[in-house]
mmCIF file of all heavy atoms, coordinates in Angstrom:
data_MODEL
# 
_entry.id   MODEL 
# 
loop_
_atom_site.group_PDB 
_atom_site.id 
_atom_site.type_symbol 
_atom_site.label_atom_id 
_atom_site.label_alt_id 
_atom_site.label_comp_id 
_atom_site.label_asym_id 
_atom_site.label_entity_id 
_atom_site.label_seq_id 
_atom_site.pdbx_PDB_ins_code 
_atom_site.Cartn_x 
_atom_site.Cartn_y 
_atom_site.Cartn_z 
_atom_site.occupancy 
_atom_site.B_iso_or_equiv 
_atom_site.pdbx_formal_charge 
_atom_site.auth_seq_id 
_atom_site.auth_comp_id 
_atom_site.auth_asym_id 
_atom_site.auth_atom_id 
_atom_site.pdbx_PDB_model_num 
ATOM 1   N N   . GLY A 1 1  ? 18.049  18.625 7.025  1.00 0.00 ? 1  GLY A N   1 
ATOM 2   C CA  . GLY A 1 1  ? 17.301  19.577 6.260  1.00 0.00 ? 1  GLY A CA  1 
ATOM 3   C C   . GLY A 1 1  ? 16.651  18.980 4.980  1.00 0.00 ? 1  GLY A C   1 
ATOM 4   O O   . GLY A 1 1  ? 15.513  19.283 4.695  1.00 0.00 ? 1  GLY A O   1 
ATOM 5   N N   . VAL A 1 2  ? 17.462  18.137 4.339  1.00 0.00 ? 2  VAL A N   1 
ATOM 6   C CA  . VAL A 1 2  ? 16.836  17.416 3.189  1.00 0.00 ? 2  VAL A CA  1 
ATOM 7   C C   . VAL A 1 2  ? 15.708  16.611 3.517  1.00 0.00 ? 2  VAL A C   1 
ATOM 8   O O   . VAL A 1 2  ? 14.585  16.644 2.839  1.00 0.00 ? 2  VAL A O   1 
ATOM 9   C CB  . VAL A 1 2  ? 18.003  16.685 2.432  1.00 0.00 ? 2  VAL A CB  1 
ATOM 10  C CG1 . VAL A 1 2  ? 17.281  15.816 1.395  1.00 0.00 ? 2  VAL A CG1 1 
ATOM 11  C CG2 . VAL A 1 2  ? 18.923  17.592 1.815  1.00 0.00 ? 2  VAL A CG2 1 
ATOM 12  N N   . VAL A 1 3  ? 15.830  15.931 4.627  1.00 0.00 ? 3  VAL A N   1 
ATOM 13  C CA  . VAL A 1 3  ? 14.701  14.904 4.978  1.00 0.00 ? 3  VAL A CA  1 
ATOM 14  C C   . VAL A 1 3  ? 13.461  15.841 5.387  1.00 0.00 ? 3  VAL A C   1 
ATOM 15  O O   . VAL A 1 3  ? 12.308  15.491 4.994  1.00 0.00 ? 3  VAL A O   1 
ATOM 16  C CB  . VAL A 1 3  ? 15.173  13.964 6.289  1.00 0.00 ? 3  VAL A CB  1 
ATOM 17  C CG1 . VAL A 1 3  ? 13.989  13.341 6.866  1.00 0.00 ? 3  VAL A CG1 1 
ATOM 18  C CG2 . VAL A 1 3  ? 16.094  13.086 5.741  1.00 0.00 ? 3  VAL A CG2 1 
ATOM 19  N N   . GLY A 1 4  ? 13.710  16.903 6.157  1.00 0.00 ? 4  GLY A N   1 
ATOM 20  C CA  . GLY A 1 4  ? 12.543  17.688 6.504  1.00 0.00 ? 4  GLY A CA  1 
ATOM 21  C C   . GLY A 1 4  ? 11.862  18.368 5.194  1.00 0.00 ? 4  GLY A C   1 
ATOM 22  O O   . GLY A 1 4  ? 10.599  18.447 5.027  1.00 0.00 ? 4  GLY A O   1 
ATOM 23  N N   . LEU A 1 5  ? 12.639  18.800 4.338  1.00 0.00 ? 5  LEU A N   1 
ATOM 24  C CA  . LEU A 1 5  ? 12.161  19.372 3.026  1.00 0.00 ? 5  LEU A CA  1 
ATOM 25  C C   . LEU A 1 5  ? 11.462  18.370 2.262  1.00 0.00 ? 5  LEU A C   1 
ATOM 26  O O   . LEU A 1 5  ? 10.176  18.620 1.787  1.00 0.00 ? 5  LEU A O   1 
ATOM 27  C CB  . LEU A 1 5  ? 13.173  19.952 2.148  1.00 0.00 ? 5  LEU A CB  1 
ATOM 28  C CG  . LEU A 1 5  ? 12.901  20.543 0.807  1.00 0.00 ? 5  LEU A CG  1 
ATOM 29  C CD1 . LEU A 1 5  ? 12.027  21.729 1.002  1.00 0.00 ? 5  LEU A CD1 1 
ATOM 30  C CD2 . LEU A 1 5  ? 14.133  20.796 0.030  1.00 0.00 ? 5  LEU A CD2 1 
ATOM 31  N N   . VAL A 1 6  ? 11.866  17.171 2.118  1.00 0.00 ? 6  VAL A N   1 
ATOM 32  C CA  . VAL A 1 6  ? 11.199  16.139 1.461  1.00 0.00 ? 6  VAL A CA  1 
ATOM 33  C C   . VAL A 1 6  ? 9.817   15.745 2.049  1.00 0.00 ? 6  VAL A C   1 
ATOM 34  O O   . VAL A 1 6  ? 8.770   15.605 1.309  1.00 0.00 ? 6  VAL A O   1 
ATOM 35  C CB  . VAL A 1 6  ? 12.014  14.925 1.158  1.00 0.00 ? 6  VAL A CB  1 
ATOM 36  C CG1 . VAL A 1 6  ? 11.305  13.641 0.682  1.00 0.00 ? 6  VAL A CG1 1 
ATOM 37  C CG2 . VAL A 1 6  ? 13.186  15.277 0.294  1.00 0.00 ? 6  VAL A CG2 1 
ATOM 38  N N   . SER A 1 7  ? 9.880   15.581 3.319  1.00 0.00 ? 7  SER A N   1 
ATOM 39  C CA  . SER A 1 7  ? 8.661   15.275 4.061  1.00 0.00 ? 7  SER A CA  1 
ATOM 40  C C   . SER A 1 7  ? 7.522   16.372 3.991  1.00 0.00 ? 7  SER A C   1 
ATOM 41  O O   . SER A 1 7  ? 6.401   15.984 3.783  1.00 0.00 ? 7  SER A O   1 
ATOM 42  C CB  . SER A 1 7  ? 8.908   14.950 5.503  1.00 0.00 ? 7  SER A CB  1 
ATOM 43  O OG  . SER A 1 7  ? 9.186   16.106 6.338  1.00 0.00 ? 7  SER A OG  1 
ATOM 44  N N   . MET A 1 8  ? 7.948   17.627 3.901  1.00 0.00 ? 8  MET A N   1 
ATOM 45  C CA  . MET A 1 8  ? 7.040   18.690 3.877  1.00 0.00 ? 8  MET A CA  1 
ATOM 46  C C   . MET A 1 8  ? 6.444   18.742 2.458  1.00 0.00 ? 8  MET A C   1 
ATOM 47  O O   . MET A 1 8  ? 5.237   18.933 2.322  1.00 0.00 ? 8  MET A O   1 
ATOM 48  C CB  . MET A 1 8  ? 7.555   20.132 4.214  1.00 0.00 ? 8  MET A CB  1 
ATOM 49  C CG  . MET A 1 8  ? 7.851   20.190 5.807  1.00 0.00 ? 8  MET A CG  1 
ATOM 50  S SD  . MET A 1 8  ? 8.311   21.853 6.326  1.00 0.00 ? 8  MET A SD  1 
ATOM 51  C CE  . MET A 1 8  ? 9.510   22.455 5.266  1.00 0.00 ? 8  MET A CE  1 
ATOM 52  N N   . VAL A 1 9  ? 7.145   18.607 1.464  1.00 0.00 ? 9  VAL A N   1 
ATOM 53  C CA  . VAL A 1 9  ? 6.658   18.557 0.057  1.00 0.00 ? 9  VAL A CA  1 
ATOM 54  C C   . VAL A 1 9  ? 5.723   17.453 -0.187 1.00 0.00 ? 9  VAL A C   1 
ATOM 55  O O   . VAL A 1 9  ? 4.750   17.438 -0.667 1.00 0.00 ? 9  VAL A O   1 
ATOM 56  C CB  . VAL A 1 9  ? 7.916   18.472 -0.956 1.00 0.00 ? 9  VAL A CB  1 
ATOM 57  C CG1 . VAL A 1 9  ? 7.319   18.207 -2.284 1.00 0.00 ? 9  VAL A CG1 1 
ATOM 58  C CG2 . VAL A 1 9  ? 8.663   19.758 -0.937 1.00 0.00 ? 9  VAL A CG2 1 
ATOM 59  N N   . ARG A 1 10 ? 6.139   16.156 0.375  1.00 0.00 ? 10 ARG A N   1 
ATOM 60  C CA  . ARG A 1 10 ? 5.231   15.010 0.345  1.00 0.00 ? 10 ARG A CA  1 
ATOM 61  C C   . ARG A 1 10 ? 3.903   15.216 0.952  1.00 0.00 ? 10 ARG A C   1 
ATOM 62  O O   . ARG A 1 10 ? 2.859   14.857 0.418  1.00 0.00 ? 10 ARG A O   1 
ATOM 63  C CB  . ARG A 1 10 ? 5.913   13.762 0.923  1.00 0.00 ? 10 ARG A CB  1 
ATOM 64  C CG  . ARG A 1 10 ? 7.034   13.211 0.089  1.00 0.00 ? 10 ARG A CG  1 
ATOM 65  C CD  . ARG A 1 10 ? 7.723   12.033 0.667  1.00 0.00 ? 10 ARG A CD  1 
ATOM 66  N NE  . ARG A 1 10 ? 6.730   10.927 0.532  1.00 0.00 ? 10 ARG A NE  1 
ATOM 67  C CZ  . ARG A 1 10 ? 6.982   9.726  1.150  1.00 0.00 ? 10 ARG A CZ  1 
ATOM 68  N NH1 . ARG A 1 10 ? 8.055   9.453  1.811  1.00 0.00 ? 10 ARG A NH1 1 
ATOM 69  N NH2 . ARG A 1 10 ? 6.060   8.804  0.898  1.00 0.00 ? 10 ARG A NH2 1 
ATOM 70  N N   . ALA A 1 11 ? 3.853   15.806 2.179  1.00 0.00 ? 11 ALA A N   1 
ATOM 71  C CA  . ALA A 1 11 ? 2.603   15.990 2.861  1.00 0.00 ? 11 ALA A CA  1 
ATOM 72  C C   . ALA A 1 11 ? 1.747   17.085 2.036  1.00 0.00 ? 11 ALA A C   1 
ATOM 73  O O   . ALA A 1 11 ? 0.489   16.929 1.847  1.00 0.00 ? 11 ALA A O   1 
ATOM 74  C CB  . ALA A 1 11 ? 2.847   16.697 4.208  1.00 0.00 ? 11 ALA A CB  1 
ATOM 75  N N   . ALA A 1 12 ? 2.393   18.108 1.481  1.00 0.00 ? 12 ALA A N   1 
ATOM 76  C CA  . ALA A 1 12 ? 1.625   19.002 0.610  1.00 0.00 ? 12 ALA A CA  1 
ATOM 77  C C   . ALA A 1 12 ? 0.921   18.334 -0.593 1.00 0.00 ? 12 ALA A C   1 
ATOM 78  O O   . ALA A 1 12 ? -0.058  18.638 -0.892 1.00 0.00 ? 12 ALA A O   1 
ATOM 79  C CB  . ALA A 1 12 ? 2.581   20.296 0.283  1.00 0.00 ? 12 ALA A CB  1 
ATOM 80  N N   . LEU A 1 13 ? 1.823   17.585 -1.217 1.00 0.00 ? 13 LEU A N   1 
ATOM 81  C CA  . LEU A 1 13 ? 1.341   16.903 -2.369 1.00 0.00 ? 13 LEU A CA  1 
ATOM 82  C C   . LEU A 1 13 ? 0.142   15.798 -1.984 1.00 0.00 ? 13 LEU A C   1 
ATOM 83  O O   . LEU A 1 13 ? -0.702  15.748 -2.792 1.00 0.00 ? 13 LEU A O   1 
ATOM 84  C CB  . LEU A 1 13 ? 2.447   16.229 -3.155 1.00 0.00 ? 13 LEU A CB  1 
ATOM 85  C CG  . LEU A 1 13 ? 3.481   17.125 -3.788 1.00 0.00 ? 13 LEU A CG  1 
ATOM 86  C CD1 . LEU A 1 13 ? 4.654   16.462 -4.391 1.00 0.00 ? 13 LEU A CD1 1 
ATOM 87  C CD2 . LEU A 1 13 ? 2.781   17.989 -4.955 1.00 0.00 ? 13 LEU A CD2 1 
ATOM 88  N N   . ALA A 1 14 ? 0.404   15.198 -0.877 1.00 0.00 ? 14 ALA A N   1 
ATOM 89  C CA  . ALA A 1 14 ? -0.656  14.191 -0.508 1.00 0.00 ? 14 ALA A CA  1 
ATOM 90  C C   . ALA A 1 14 ? -1.980  14.951 -0.171 1.00 0.00 ? 14 ALA A C   1 
ATOM 91  O O   . ALA A 1 14 ? -3.096  14.478 -0.497 1.00 0.00 ? 14 ALA A O   1 
ATOM 92  C CB  . ALA A 1 14 ? -0.208  13.514 0.769  1.00 0.00 ? 14 ALA A CB  1 
ATOM 93  N N   . ASN A 1 15 ? -1.941  16.202 0.427  1.00 0.00 ? 15 ASN A N   1 
ATOM 94  C CA  . ASN A 1 15 ? -3.157  16.892 0.636  1.00 0.00 ? 15 ASN A CA  1 
ATOM 95  C C   . ASN A 1 15 ? -3.805  17.337 -0.631 1.00 0.00 ? 15 ASN A C   1 
ATOM 96  O O   . ASN A 1 15 ? -4.929  17.220 -0.759 1.00 0.00 ? 15 ASN A O   1 
ATOM 97  C CB  . ASN A 1 15 ? -2.786  18.130 1.487  1.00 0.00 ? 15 ASN A CB  1 
ATOM 98  C CG  . ASN A 1 15 ? -2.520  17.852 2.953  1.00 0.00 ? 15 ASN A CG  1 
ATOM 99  O OD1 . ASN A 1 15 ? -2.894  16.875 3.440  1.00 0.00 ? 15 ASN A OD1 1 
ATOM 100 N ND2 . ASN A 1 15 ? -1.920  18.893 3.620  1.00 0.00 ? 15 ASN A ND2 1 
ATOM 101 N N   . ARG A 1 16 ? -3.023  17.699 -1.573 1.00 0.00 ? 16 ARG A N   1 
ATOM 102 C CA  . ARG A 1 16 ? -3.481  18.118 -2.834 1.00 0.00 ? 16 ARG A CA  1 
ATOM 103 C C   . ARG A 1 16 ? -4.196  16.947 -3.582 1.00 0.00 ? 16 ARG A C   1 
ATOM 104 O O   . ARG A 1 16 ? -5.274  17.162 -4.127 1.00 0.00 ? 16 ARG A O   1 
ATOM 105 C CB  . ARG A 1 16 ? -2.357  18.742 -3.694 1.00 0.00 ? 16 ARG A CB  1 
ATOM 106 C CG  . ARG A 1 16 ? -2.928  19.607 -4.768 1.00 0.00 ? 16 ARG A CG  1 
ATOM 107 C CD  . ARG A 1 16 ? -1.746  20.507 -5.287 1.00 0.00 ? 16 ARG A CD  1 
ATOM 108 N NE  . ARG A 1 16 ? -2.192  21.116 -6.381 1.00 0.00 ? 16 ARG A NE  1 
ATOM 109 C CZ  . ARG A 1 16 ? -1.501  21.768 -7.303 1.00 0.00 ? 16 ARG A CZ  1 
ATOM 110 N NH1 . ARG A 1 16 ? -0.142  21.720 -7.108 1.00 0.00 ? 16 ARG A NH1 1 
ATOM 111 N NH2 . ARG A 1 16 ? -1.960  22.432 -8.271 1.00 0.00 ? 16 ARG A NH2 1 
ATOM 112 N N   . ARG A 1 17 ? -3.561  15.852 -3.566 1.00 0.00 ? 17 ARG A N   1 
ATOM 113 C CA  . ARG A 1 17 ? -4.146  14.587 -4.190 1.00 0.00 ? 17 ARG A CA  1 
ATOM 114 C C   . ARG A 1 17 ? -5.463  14.220 -3.476 1.00 0.00 ? 17 ARG A C   1 
ATOM 115 O O   . ARG A 1 17 ? -6.491  13.901 -4.163 1.00 0.00 ? 17 ARG A O   1 
ATOM 116 C CB  . ARG A 1 17 ? -3.154  13.501 -4.131 1.00 0.00 ? 17 ARG A CB  1 
ATOM 117 C CG  . ARG A 1 17 ? -3.694  12.228 -4.733 1.00 0.00 ? 17 ARG A CG  1 
ATOM 118 C CD  . ARG A 1 17 ? -2.595  11.082 -4.825 1.00 0.00 ? 17 ARG A CD  1 
ATOM 119 N NE  . ARG A 1 17 ? -3.228  9.860  -5.174 1.00 0.00 ? 17 ARG A NE  1 
ATOM 120 C CZ  . ARG A 1 17 ? -3.356  8.753  -4.432 1.00 0.00 ? 17 ARG A CZ  1 
ATOM 121 N NH1 . ARG A 1 17 ? -2.788  8.770  -3.299 1.00 0.00 ? 17 ARG A NH1 1 
ATOM 122 N NH2 . ARG A 1 17 ? -3.974  7.681  -4.830 1.00 0.00 ? 17 ARG A NH2 1 
ATOM 123 N N   . THR A 1 18 ? -5.407  14.347 -2.187 1.00 0.00 ? 18 THR A N   1 
ATOM 124 C CA  . THR A 1 18 ? -6.680  13.976 -1.403 1.00 0.00 ? 18 THR A CA  1 
ATOM 125 C C   . THR A 1 18 ? -7.867  14.860 -1.824 1.00 0.00 ? 18 THR A C   1 
ATOM 126 O O   . THR A 1 18 ? -8.943  14.449 -2.046 1.00 0.00 ? 18 THR A O   1 
ATOM 127 C CB  . THR A 1 18 ? -6.390  14.034 0.106  1.00 0.00 ? 18 THR A CB  1 
ATOM 128 O OG1 . THR A 1 18 ? -5.337  13.112 0.316  1.00 0.00 ? 18 THR A OG1 1 
ATOM 129 C CG2 . THR A 1 18 ? -7.600  13.593 0.854  1.00 0.00 ? 18 THR A CG2 1 
ATOM 130 N N   . MET A 1 19 ? -7.527  16.133 -1.986 1.00 0.00 ? 19 MET A N   1 
ATOM 131 C CA  . MET A 1 19 ? -8.591  17.125 -2.471 1.00 0.00 ? 19 MET A CA  1 
ATOM 132 C C   . MET A 1 19 ? -9.056  16.849 -3.922 1.00 0.00 ? 19 MET A C   1 
ATOM 133 O O   . MET A 1 19 ? -10.291 16.944 -4.240 1.00 0.00 ? 19 MET A O   1 
ATOM 134 C CB  . MET A 1 19 ? -8.039  18.550 -2.385 1.00 0.00 ? 19 MET A CB  1 
ATOM 135 C CG  . MET A 1 19 ? -8.051  19.133 -0.986 1.00 0.00 ? 19 MET A CG  1 
ATOM 136 S SD  . MET A 1 19 ? -9.735  18.982 -0.164 1.00 0.00 ? 19 MET A SD  1 
ATOM 137 C CE  . MET A 1 19 ? -10.673 20.064 -1.070 1.00 0.00 ? 19 MET A CE  1 
ATOM 138 N N   . ARG A 1 20 ? -8.132  16.396 -4.730 1.00 0.00 ? 20 ARG A N   1 
ATOM 139 C CA  . ARG A 1 20 ? -8.616  16.112 -6.146 1.00 0.00 ? 20 ARG A CA  1 
ATOM 140 C C   . ARG A 1 20 ? -9.216  14.780 -6.368 1.00 0.00 ? 20 ARG A C   1 
ATOM 141 O O   . ARG A 1 20 ? -10.172 14.687 -7.016 1.00 0.00 ? 20 ARG A O   1 
ATOM 142 C CB  . ARG A 1 20 ? -7.281  16.196 -7.104 1.00 0.00 ? 20 ARG A CB  1 
ATOM 143 C CG  . ARG A 1 20 ? -6.845  17.571 -7.528 1.00 0.00 ? 20 ARG A CG  1 
ATOM 144 C CD  . ARG A 1 20 ? -5.840  17.414 -8.751 1.00 0.00 ? 20 ARG A CD  1 
ATOM 145 N NE  . ARG A 1 20 ? -5.141  16.166 -8.692 1.00 0.00 ? 20 ARG A NE  1 
ATOM 146 C CZ  . ARG A 1 20 ? -3.800  16.055 -8.176 1.00 0.00 ? 20 ARG A CZ  1 
ATOM 147 N NH1 . ARG A 1 20 ? -3.231  17.194 -7.623 1.00 0.00 ? 20 ARG A NH1 1 
ATOM 148 N NH2 . ARG A 1 20 ? -3.140  14.898 -8.108 1.00 0.00 ? 20 ARG A NH2 1 
ATOM 149 N N   . GLU A 1 21 ? -8.785  13.775 -5.658 1.00 0.00 ? 21 GLU A N   1 
ATOM 150 C CA  . GLU A 1 21 ? -9.176  12.430 -5.898 1.00 0.00 ? 21 GLU A CA  1 
ATOM 151 C C   . GLU A 1 21 ? -10.035 11.728 -4.720 1.00 0.00 ? 21 GLU A C   1 
ATOM 152 O O   . GLU A 1 21 ? -10.509 10.663 -4.868 1.00 0.00 ? 21 GLU A O   1 
ATOM 153 C CB  . GLU A 1 21 ? -7.959  11.494 -6.239 1.00 0.00 ? 21 GLU A CB  1 
ATOM 154 C CG  . GLU A 1 21 ? -7.083  12.070 -7.380 1.00 0.00 ? 21 GLU A CG  1 
ATOM 155 C CD  . GLU A 1 21 ? -5.920  11.233 -7.461 1.00 0.00 ? 21 GLU A CD  1 
ATOM 156 O OE1 . GLU A 1 21 ? -5.691  10.092 -6.993 1.00 0.00 ? 21 GLU A OE1 1 
ATOM 157 O OE2 . GLU A 1 21 ? -4.958  11.771 -8.214 1.00 0.00 ? 21 GLU A OE2 1 
ATOM 158 N N   . GLY A 1 22 ? -9.978  12.396 -3.615 1.00 0.00 ? 22 GLY A N   1 
ATOM 159 C CA  . GLY A 1 22 ? -10.518 11.724 -2.443 1.00 0.00 ? 22 GLY A CA  1 
ATOM 160 C C   . GLY A 1 22 ? -12.003 11.714 -2.524 1.00 0.00 ? 22 GLY A C   1 
ATOM 161 O O   . GLY A 1 22 ? -12.719 12.508 -3.027 1.00 0.00 ? 22 GLY A O   1 
ATOM 162 N N   . ALA A 1 23 ? -12.453 10.663 -1.751 1.00 0.00 ? 23 ALA A N   1 
ATOM 163 C CA  . ALA A 1 23 ? -13.998 10.463 -1.562 1.00 0.00 ? 23 ALA A CA  1 
ATOM 164 C C   . ALA A 1 23 ? -14.494 11.303 -0.579 1.00 0.00 ? 23 ALA A C   1 
ATOM 165 O O   . ALA A 1 23 ? -13.720 11.801 0.424  1.00 0.00 ? 23 ALA A O   1 
ATOM 166 C CB  . ALA A 1 23 ? -14.124 8.975  -1.115 1.00 0.00 ? 23 ALA A CB  1 
ATOM 167 N N   . LEU A 1 24 ? -15.722 11.931 -0.616 1.00 0.00 ? 24 LEU A N   1 
ATOM 168 C CA  . LEU A 1 24 ? -16.330 12.875 0.270  1.00 0.00 ? 24 LEU A CA  1 
ATOM 169 C C   . LEU A 1 24 ? -17.023 12.008 1.312  1.00 0.00 ? 24 LEU A C   1 
ATOM 170 O O   . LEU A 1 24 ? -17.720 11.012 1.136  1.00 0.00 ? 24 LEU A O   1 
ATOM 171 C CB  . LEU A 1 24 ? -17.178 13.700 -0.439 1.00 0.00 ? 24 LEU A CB  1 
ATOM 172 C CG  . LEU A 1 24 ? -17.942 14.764 0.263  1.00 0.00 ? 24 LEU A CG  1 
ATOM 173 C CD1 . LEU A 1 24 ? -16.851 15.827 0.765  1.00 0.00 ? 24 LEU A CD1 1 
ATOM 174 C CD2 . LEU A 1 24 ? -18.950 15.658 -0.520 1.00 0.00 ? 24 LEU A CD2 1 
ATOM 175 N N   . ALA A 1 25 ? -16.892 12.445 2.620  1.00 0.00 ? 25 ALA A N   1 
ATOM 176 C CA  . ALA A 1 25 ? -17.548 11.898 3.723  1.00 0.00 ? 25 ALA A CA  1 
ATOM 177 C C   . ALA A 1 25 ? -18.020 12.941 4.644  1.00 0.00 ? 25 ALA A C   1 
ATOM 178 O O   . ALA A 1 25 ? -17.536 14.018 4.748  1.00 0.00 ? 25 ALA A O   1 
ATOM 179 C CB  . ALA A 1 25 ? -16.610 10.922 4.446  1.00 0.00 ? 25 ALA A CB  1 
ATOM 180 N N   . GLU A 1 26 ? -19.222 12.530 5.323  1.00 0.00 ? 26 GLU A N   1 
ATOM 181 C CA  . GLU A 1 26 ? -19.657 13.506 6.443  1.00 0.00 ? 26 GLU A CA  1 
ATOM 182 C C   . GLU A 1 26 ? -19.305 12.799 7.719  1.00 0.00 ? 26 GLU A C   1 
ATOM 183 O O   . GLU A 1 26 ? -19.989 11.926 8.166  1.00 0.00 ? 26 GLU A O   1 
ATOM 184 C CB  . GLU A 1 26 ? -21.272 13.655 6.273  1.00 0.00 ? 26 GLU A CB  1 
ATOM 185 C CG  . GLU A 1 26 ? -21.626 14.478 5.098  1.00 0.00 ? 26 GLU A CG  1 
ATOM 186 C CD  . GLU A 1 26 ? -23.048 14.744 5.061  1.00 0.00 ? 26 GLU A CD  1 
ATOM 187 O OE1 . GLU A 1 26 ? -23.914 14.136 5.710  1.00 0.00 ? 26 GLU A OE1 1 
ATOM 188 O OE2 . GLU A 1 26 ? -23.418 15.641 4.223  1.00 0.00 ? 26 GLU A OE2 1 
ATOM 189 N N   . ALA A 1 27 ? -18.291 13.466 8.242  1.00 0.00 ? 27 ALA A N   1 
ATOM 190 C CA  . ALA A 1 27 ? -17.758 12.922 9.624  1.00 0.00 ? 27 ALA A CA  1 
ATOM 191 C C   . ALA A 1 27 ? -18.512 13.669 10.716 1.00 0.00 ? 27 ALA A C   1 
ATOM 192 O O   . ALA A 1 27 ? -18.894 14.878 10.606 1.00 0.00 ? 27 ALA A O   1 
ATOM 193 C CB  . ALA A 1 27 ? -16.204 13.113 9.660  1.00 0.00 ? 27 ALA A CB  1 
# 
């Protein structure tokens, strides 16, 4: 349960960081 919780929080924070700091591309 702890591992699952930590991985979900990390993924959410990574998505948020990508939106704030990520480069824009036209794929």
